[in-house]
Amino acid sequence: MEKLILKNKNKVWFERAIFISWYCSLGDCTYCYMSSQKSLIKNPEKAKRSEASILAEALICKKLGWKIGFLSAGYGSYTAESILGLCKKIHSIYGEKLWLNIGVLPEPTIARLAPYLEGICGAVETTNEAVHKKVAPNKPIAPIEKMFSVCEKYNLKKAMTFIVGLGETAEDFSTLKNFITKNKIDKITFYALNPIKGTAFADSKGPSMEYYLGWIRKTRQPFPKIEIIAGPWVNRVENIGRMIEAGADGITKFPAIRLFNSRFAKKIEQEISSAGRDMEGTFTILPEIGIDEEIDSLDSTLFDDGLKLELKVKLAEYAGQLSKNRYH
């Protein structure tokens, strides 16, 4: 099969989704890990990660050359005020505007967040209406589309997620094509369904690789300028070269800190090279992380002394984990 090499796109990047909470007030999407956790979470506040942990992860992304795919949380995890404060701090640390994926946001919230955002992601998951009603009964698509229209008012880009293997068929591509065109989508992340214990898909094998690649390939052809991110799990890393050849610009859904410099990380870099591309950032070379210098230089109007101290502790934990992984 002929390789599809995109003009002026010599690099493949890694996007790390930073999860900021494990709670979702809906909690009934049949494929989602958070649906298996909702009944176990008595206090949603305790399902939030510490601010220092989130910010330290953003610093690691910056040091290793990884993009922040988006900040991610379930519905109802954050107030407008709290997410605004977090976005300001991460924007200050990372130096670039962010993507947000925390559910459908009202216009007043979007207006406040806009100065710190590149865009907003809608968790669409599937454009087959019947499948969507079954797998995400309380997350209709219409409010997401309304949010997308608000994004245009504030010059924000629009992204969507799509999970291959929820029950759609190849014939449903026309509905995805229409959705992308109608909503002027700038970026799409294709996940391959990863069966999760405790969900309705626990016994599923997930989609075949050929079927998954078909969705990327068919999307790239009519949309040459859209950003396509491939989101395979660890068990599919040997196919990342094929995902790039099919039209993916970047990859995600890889536990890059836990598996830094592992055989999986090395395999990904090899796959990117085999597709005739270079990797932006690294999964295998640990740069010098000057913890005191990095944290002490942060804006004191956003980061008080107490938070800076917590950040140093968390950043040291991440750096230690990355360092240990070099022996894998």
Protein backbone atom coordinates (compact mmCIF):
# COMPACT_ATOMS: atom_id res chain seq x y z
CA MET A 1 0.00 0.00 0.00
CA GLU A 2 1.32 3.44 -0.92
CA LYS A 3 2.47 5.54 2.00
CA LEU A 4 0.73 8.86 2.59
CA ILE A 5 3.48 11.36 3.47
CA LEU A 6 2.13 14.80 4.34
CA LYS A 7 3.87 17.90 3.04
CA ASN A 8 5.67 20.09 5.59
CA LYS A 9 5.00 17.59 8.37
CA ASN A 10 8.36 15.94 9.00
CA LYS A 11 7.88 15.50 12.74
CA VAL A 12 5.56 13.30 14.73
CA TRP A 13 4.69 14.53 18.18
CA PHE A 14 3.42 12.93 21.37
CA GLU A 15 0.45 14.43 23.16
CA ARG A 16 -0.02 13.65 26.83
CA ALA A 17 -3.52 14.08 28.20
CA ILE A 18 -3.21 15.42 31.74
CA PHE A 19 -6.02 13.99 33.85
CA ILE A 20 -6.97 16.35 36.62
CA SER A 21 -9.82 14.37 38.21
CA TRP A 22 -11.21 10.82 38.09
CA TYR A 23 -14.77 11.84 38.93
CA CYS A 24 -17.63 12.34 36.48
CA SER A 25 -21.08 13.45 37.57
CA LEU A 26 -22.59 11.53 34.63
CA GLY A 27 -20.57 8.37 35.06
CA ASP A 28 -22.70 6.21 32.77
CA CYS A 29 -20.73 6.02 29.51
CA THR A 30 -20.48 2.28 29.03
CA TYR A 31 -16.87 2.29 27.75
CA CYS A 32 -15.35 4.68 30.29
CA TYR A 33 -13.14 3.93 33.28
CA MET A 34 -14.88 6.66 35.28
CA SER A 35 -18.18 4.79 34.96
CA SER A 36 -16.61 1.91 36.90
CA GLN A 37 -15.46 4.30 39.63
CA LYS A 38 -18.45 6.56 40.23
CA SER A 39 -20.14 4.29 42.81
CA LEU A 40 -16.83 4.04 44.69
CA ILE A 41 -16.31 7.80 44.95
CA LYS A 42 -18.14 9.18 47.97
CA ASN A 43 -16.43 12.57 47.93
CA PRO A 44 -15.73 13.98 44.42
CA GLU A 45 -13.19 16.42 45.86
CA LYS A 46 -10.98 13.50 46.83
CA ALA A 47 -11.00 12.26 43.24
CA LYS A 48 -9.08 15.36 42.15
CA ARG A 49 -5.35 15.17 41.75
CA SER A 50 -3.30 17.57 43.81
CA GLU A 51 -2.50 20.82 42.08
CA ALA A 52 1.22 20.24 42.61
CA SER A 53 1.04 16.84 40.90
CA ILE A 54 -0.76 18.29 37.85
CA LEU A 55 1.66 21.21 37.55
CA ALA A 56 4.71 18.96 37.94
CA GLU A 57 3.41 16.78 35.12
CA ALA A 58 3.08 19.88 32.91
CA LEU A 59 6.71 20.72 33.67
CA ILE A 60 7.79 17.19 32.71
CA CYS A 61 5.95 17.59 29.39
CA LYS A 62 7.83 20.81 28.74
CA LYS A 63 11.24 19.34 29.60
CA LEU A 64 10.76 16.22 27.45
CA GLY A 65 9.25 18.00 24.45
CA TRP A 66 5.77 16.50 24.78
CA LYS A 67 2.65 18.44 23.87
CA ILE A 68 -0.17 18.67 26.38
CA GLY A 69 -2.98 17.05 24.42
CA PHE A 70 -5.60 18.48 26.75
CA LEU A 71 -6.52 18.81 30.38
CA SER A 72 -9.09 16.12 30.97
CA ALA A 73 -11.75 15.49 33.61
CA GLY A 74 -15.27 14.19 33.88
CA TYR A 75 -18.37 16.35 34.00
CA GLY A 76 -18.83 18.36 37.18
CA SER A 77 -15.27 17.93 38.43
CA TYR A 78 -14.30 21.60 38.51
CA THR A 79 -15.94 24.97 39.01
CA ALA A 80 -15.31 27.76 36.51
CA GLU A 81 -13.14 29.55 39.05
CA SER A 82 -11.00 26.53 39.92
CA ILE A 83 -10.37 25.49 36.32
CA LEU A 84 -9.48 29.09 35.45
CA GLY A 85 -6.85 29.17 38.18
CA LEU A 86 -5.39 25.87 37.04
CA CYS A 87 -5.27 26.95 33.40
CA LYS A 88 -3.45 30.15 34.33
CA LYS A 89 -0.78 28.21 36.21
CA ILE A 90 -0.27 25.55 33.54
CA HIS A 91 -0.14 28.21 30.81
CA SER A 92 2.53 30.02 32.82
CA ILE A 93 4.57 26.82 33.28
CA TYR A 94 4.24 25.39 29.79
CA GLY A 95 4.40 28.63 27.84
CA GLU A 96 1.71 27.70 25.33
CA LYS A 97 -2.07 27.86 25.22
CA LEU A 98 -3.95 24.72 26.23
CA TRP A 99 -6.68 22.41 25.06
CA LEU A 100 -9.49 21.57 27.47
CA ASN A 101 -11.65 18.45 27.59
CA ILE A 102 -13.84 18.58 30.68
CA GLY A 103 -17.34 18.35 29.24
CA VAL A 104 -19.72 20.90 27.77
CA LEU A 105 -18.87 24.39 28.98
CA PRO A 106 -21.26 27.39 29.07
CA GLU A 107 -20.30 30.54 27.20
CA PRO A 108 -19.45 32.64 30.30
CA THR A 109 -16.89 30.01 31.33
CA ILE A 110 -15.45 29.80 27.82
CA ALA A 111 -15.14 33.58 27.70
CA ARG A 112 -13.09 33.62 30.92
CA LEU A 113 -10.87 30.73 29.84
CA ALA A 114 -10.33 31.88 26.24
CA PRO A 115 -7.09 33.87 26.83
CA TYR A 116 -5.37 30.66 28.01
CA LEU A 117 -6.82 28.20 25.49
CA GLU A 118 -5.90 27.10 22.00
CA GLY A 119 -9.12 25.21 21.76
CA ILE A 120 -11.76 22.99 23.32
CA CYS A 121 -12.26 19.29 22.73
CA GLY A 122 -15.67 17.66 22.62
CA ALA A 123 -15.85 14.00 23.66
CA VAL A 124 -18.03 12.96 20.74
CA GLU A 125 -16.78 9.33 20.68
CA THR A 126 -19.07 8.18 17.85
CA THR A 127 -21.23 9.84 15.20
CA ASN A 128 -23.50 6.83 14.77
CA GLU A 129 -26.61 8.15 16.51
CA ALA A 130 -27.95 4.77 17.60
CA VAL A 131 -24.60 3.66 19.00
CA HIS A 132 -24.12 7.00 20.75
CA LYS A 133 -27.46 6.74 22.55
CA LYS A 134 -26.48 3.30 23.77
CA VAL A 135 -22.92 3.95 24.93
CA ALA A 136 -23.26 7.57 26.14
CA PRO A 137 -26.95 7.96 27.06
CA ASN A 138 -26.56 11.20 29.01
CA LYS A 139 -23.94 12.87 26.84
CA PRO A 140 -25.86 13.99 23.72
CA ILE A 141 -23.99 15.47 20.78
CA ALA A 142 -26.18 18.56 20.29
CA PRO A 143 -24.78 20.47 23.32
CA ILE A 144 -21.24 19.69 22.13
CA GLU A 145 -22.06 21.20 18.76
CA LYS A 146 -23.51 24.26 20.47
CA MET A 147 -20.27 24.61 22.43
CA PHE A 148 -18.33 24.39 19.17
CA SER A 149 -20.32 27.31 17.78
CA VAL A 150 -19.41 29.35 20.86
CA CYS A 151 -15.75 28.50 20.27
CA GLU A 152 -15.89 30.27 16.92
CA LYS A 153 -17.03 33.45 18.64
CA TYR A 154 -13.85 33.41 20.77
CA ASN A 155 -11.50 32.27 17.97
CA LEU A 156 -10.88 28.94 19.65
CA LYS A 157 -10.05 25.80 17.72
CA LYS A 158 -12.27 22.74 17.94
CA ALA A 159 -11.26 19.15 18.53
CA MET A 160 -13.16 15.90 18.93
CA THR A 161 -12.47 12.40 20.16
CA PHE A 162 -13.61 9.27 18.35
CA ILE A 163 -13.42 5.76 19.79
CA VAL A 164 -13.13 3.09 17.11
CA GLY A 165 -14.85 -0.13 18.12
CA LEU A 166 -17.93 1.02 20.03
CA GLY A 167 -20.30 -0.65 17.57
CA GLU A 168 -20.08 1.59 14.52
CA THR A 169 -19.28 0.14 11.10
CA ALA A 170 -17.09 1.32 8.24
CA GLU A 171 -20.22 2.59 6.51
CA ASP A 172 -20.61 5.17 9.29
CA PHE A 173 -17.66 7.17 8.00
CA SER A 174 -20.06 9.43 6.10
CA THR A 175 -21.56 10.60 9.42
CA LEU A 176 -18.10 11.45 10.74
CA LYS A 177 -17.20 13.28 7.54
CA ASN A 178 -20.41 15.33 7.75
CA PHE A 179 -19.77 16.12 11.43
CA ILE A 180 -16.23 17.33 10.77
CA THR A 181 -17.40 19.49 7.88
CA LYS A 182 -20.42 20.93 9.68
CA ASN A 183 -18.52 21.85 12.84
CA LYS A 184 -15.24 22.85 11.17
CA ILE A 185 -13.22 20.47 13.33
CA ASP A 186 -9.51 21.30 13.49
CA LYS A 187 -8.28 18.18 15.23
CA ILE A 188 -9.47 14.63 15.86
CA THR A 189 -8.09 11.95 18.16
CA PHE A 190 -8.84 8.37 17.17
CA TYR A 191 -8.75 5.95 20.09
CA ALA A 192 -8.87 2.20 19.60
CA LEU A 193 -11.35 0.85 22.15
CA ASN A 194 -9.39 -0.48 25.12
CA PRO A 195 -11.61 -2.93 27.04
CA ILE A 196 -11.74 -1.86 30.70
CA LYS A 197 -12.65 -4.11 33.60
CA GLY A 198 -15.98 -3.16 35.12
CA THR A 199 -17.42 -1.69 31.92
CA ALA A 200 -19.82 -3.13 29.35
CA PHE A 201 -16.88 -3.70 26.99
CA ALA A 202 -14.76 -5.66 29.46
CA ASP A 203 -14.91 -8.82 27.34
CA SER A 204 -14.38 -7.06 24.00
CA LYS A 205 -11.19 -7.56 22.02
CA GLY A 206 -11.28 -4.05 20.63
CA PRO A 207 -11.14 -3.23 16.92
CA SER A 208 -8.81 -4.96 14.49
CA MET A 209 -5.80 -2.93 13.43
CA GLU A 210 -6.87 -2.84 9.79
CA TYR A 211 -10.29 -1.50 10.75
CA TYR A 212 -8.75 1.13 13.04
CA LEU A 213 -6.26 2.24 10.38
CA GLY A 214 -9.12 2.53 7.90
CA TRP A 215 -10.73 5.30 9.95
CA ILE A 216 -7.50 7.31 10.02
CA ARG A 217 -6.87 6.78 6.31
CA LYS A 218 -10.41 7.67 5.25
CA THR A 219 -10.36 10.83 7.38
CA ARG A 220 -7.03 12.05 6.06
CA GLN A 221 -8.06 11.85 2.40
CA PRO A 222 -10.86 14.47 2.42
CA PHE A 223 -9.31 16.55 5.23
CA PRO A 224 -5.62 17.14 4.38
CA LYS A 225 -5.24 19.97 6.92
CA ILE A 226 -6.93 18.42 9.95
CA GLU A 227 -4.66 17.27 12.79
CA ILE A 228 -5.06 13.55 13.37
CA ILE A 229 -3.85 12.02 16.60
CA ALA A 230 -3.65 8.24 16.97
CA GLY A 231 -4.45 6.90 20.43
CA PRO A 232 -3.46 3.25 20.60
CA TRP A 233 -2.70 1.44 23.85
CA VAL A 234 0.62 -0.24 24.68
CA ASN A 235 -0.43 -3.50 23.00
CA ARG A 236 -0.55 -1.73 19.62
CA VAL A 237 2.74 0.18 19.60
CA GLU A 238 4.20 -2.06 16.90
CA ASN A 239 1.67 -0.54 14.49
CA ILE A 240 2.44 3.12 15.12
CA GLY A 241 4.47 3.36 11.92
CA ARG A 242 1.41 2.22 9.99
CA MET A 243 -0.76 4.78 11.80
CA ILE A 244 1.60 7.53 10.68
CA GLU A 245 1.61 6.22 7.12
CA ALA A 246 -2.20 6.20 7.21
CA GLY A 247 -2.21 9.91 8.06
CA ALA A 248 -1.63 10.45 11.80
CA ASP A 249 0.32 13.57 12.79
CA GLY A 250 0.85 12.60 16.41
CA ILE A 251 0.26 9.88 18.98
CA THR A 252 -1.24 9.76 22.45
CA LYS A 253 -2.59 7.24 24.99
CA PHE A 254 0.86 5.99 25.98
CA PRO A 255 1.90 5.99 29.67
CA ALA A 256 5.11 7.77 28.81
CA ILE A 257 6.29 8.52 32.35
CA ARG A 258 5.70 5.02 33.69
CA LEU A 259 7.19 3.42 30.57
CA PHE A 260 9.88 5.98 29.82
CA ASN A 261 12.89 4.32 28.14
CA SER A 262 11.14 0.94 28.26
CA ARG A 263 11.12 -1.46 25.31
CA PHE A 264 7.72 0.00 24.39
CA ALA A 265 9.13 3.54 24.33
CA LYS A 266 12.06 2.45 22.21
CA LYS A 267 9.72 0.61 19.85
CA ILE A 268 7.63 3.75 19.31
CA GLU A 269 10.70 5.78 18.37
CA GLN A 270 11.72 3.01 15.96
CA GLU A 271 8.23 2.95 14.44
CA ILE A 272 8.27 6.70 13.86
CA SER A 273 11.67 6.43 12.19
CA SER A 274 10.50 3.52 10.02
CA ALA A 275 7.69 5.74 8.73
CA GLY A 276 10.27 8.25 7.51
CA ARG A 277 9.55 10.82 10.21
CA ASP A 278 11.36 12.31 13.21
CA MET A 279 9.99 12.37 16.73
CA GLU A 280 9.45 15.70 18.43
CA GLY A 281 10.65 15.29 21.99
CA THR A 282 11.89 12.02 23.46
CA PHE A 283 10.77 8.81 25.16
CA THR A 284 14.28 7.60 25.91
CA ILE A 285 16.71 10.44 26.68
CA LEU A 286 16.35 12.08 30.07
CA PRO A 287 17.45 15.73 30.05
CA GLU A 288 18.81 17.52 33.06
CA ILE A 289 15.91 18.71 35.20
CA GLY A 290 17.04 21.60 37.39
CA ILE A 291 14.29 21.32 39.98
CA ASP A 292 15.20 24.31 42.13
CA GLU A 293 15.89 26.53 39.14
CA GLU A 294 12.67 25.55 37.37
CA ILE A 295 10.43 26.10 40.38
CA ASP A 296 12.13 29.19 41.83
CA SER A 297 11.75 30.99 38.50
CA LEU A 298 7.95 30.62 38.47
CA ASP A 299 5.74 33.70 38.74
CA SER A 300 5.26 34.39 42.45
CA THR A 301 1.91 36.04 41.82
CA LEU A 302 0.57 32.63 40.74
CA PHE A 303 2.79 30.29 42.74
CA ASP A 304 3.20 31.04 46.42
CA ASP A 305 6.04 29.60 48.50
CA GLY A 306 3.93 26.73 49.79
CA LEU A 307 2.93 25.61 46.30
CA LYS A 308 6.51 25.95 45.07
CA LEU A 309 7.70 23.66 47.85
CA GLU A 310 5.03 21.07 46.99
CA LEU A 311 6.00 21.36 43.33
CA LYS A 312 9.64 20.64 44.09
CA VAL A 313 8.64 17.47 45.91
CA LYS A 314 6.38 16.26 43.10
CA LEU A 315 8.84 17.17 40.35
CA ALA A 316 11.55 15.25 42.17
CA GLU A 317 9.23 12.22 42.34
CA TYR A 318 8.61 12.32 38.58
CA ALA A 319 12.31 12.87 37.82
CA GLY A 320 13.19 9.93 40.05
CA GLN A 321 10.74 7.66 38.27
CA LEU A 322 12.03 8.69 34.86
CA SER A 323 15.60 8.10 36.00
CA LYS A 324 14.85 4.59 37.28
CA ASN A 325 13.22 3.68 33.99
CA ARG A 326 16.49 4.06 32.11
CA TYR A 327 17.39 0.49 33.15
CA HIS A 328 14.33 -1.09 31.48
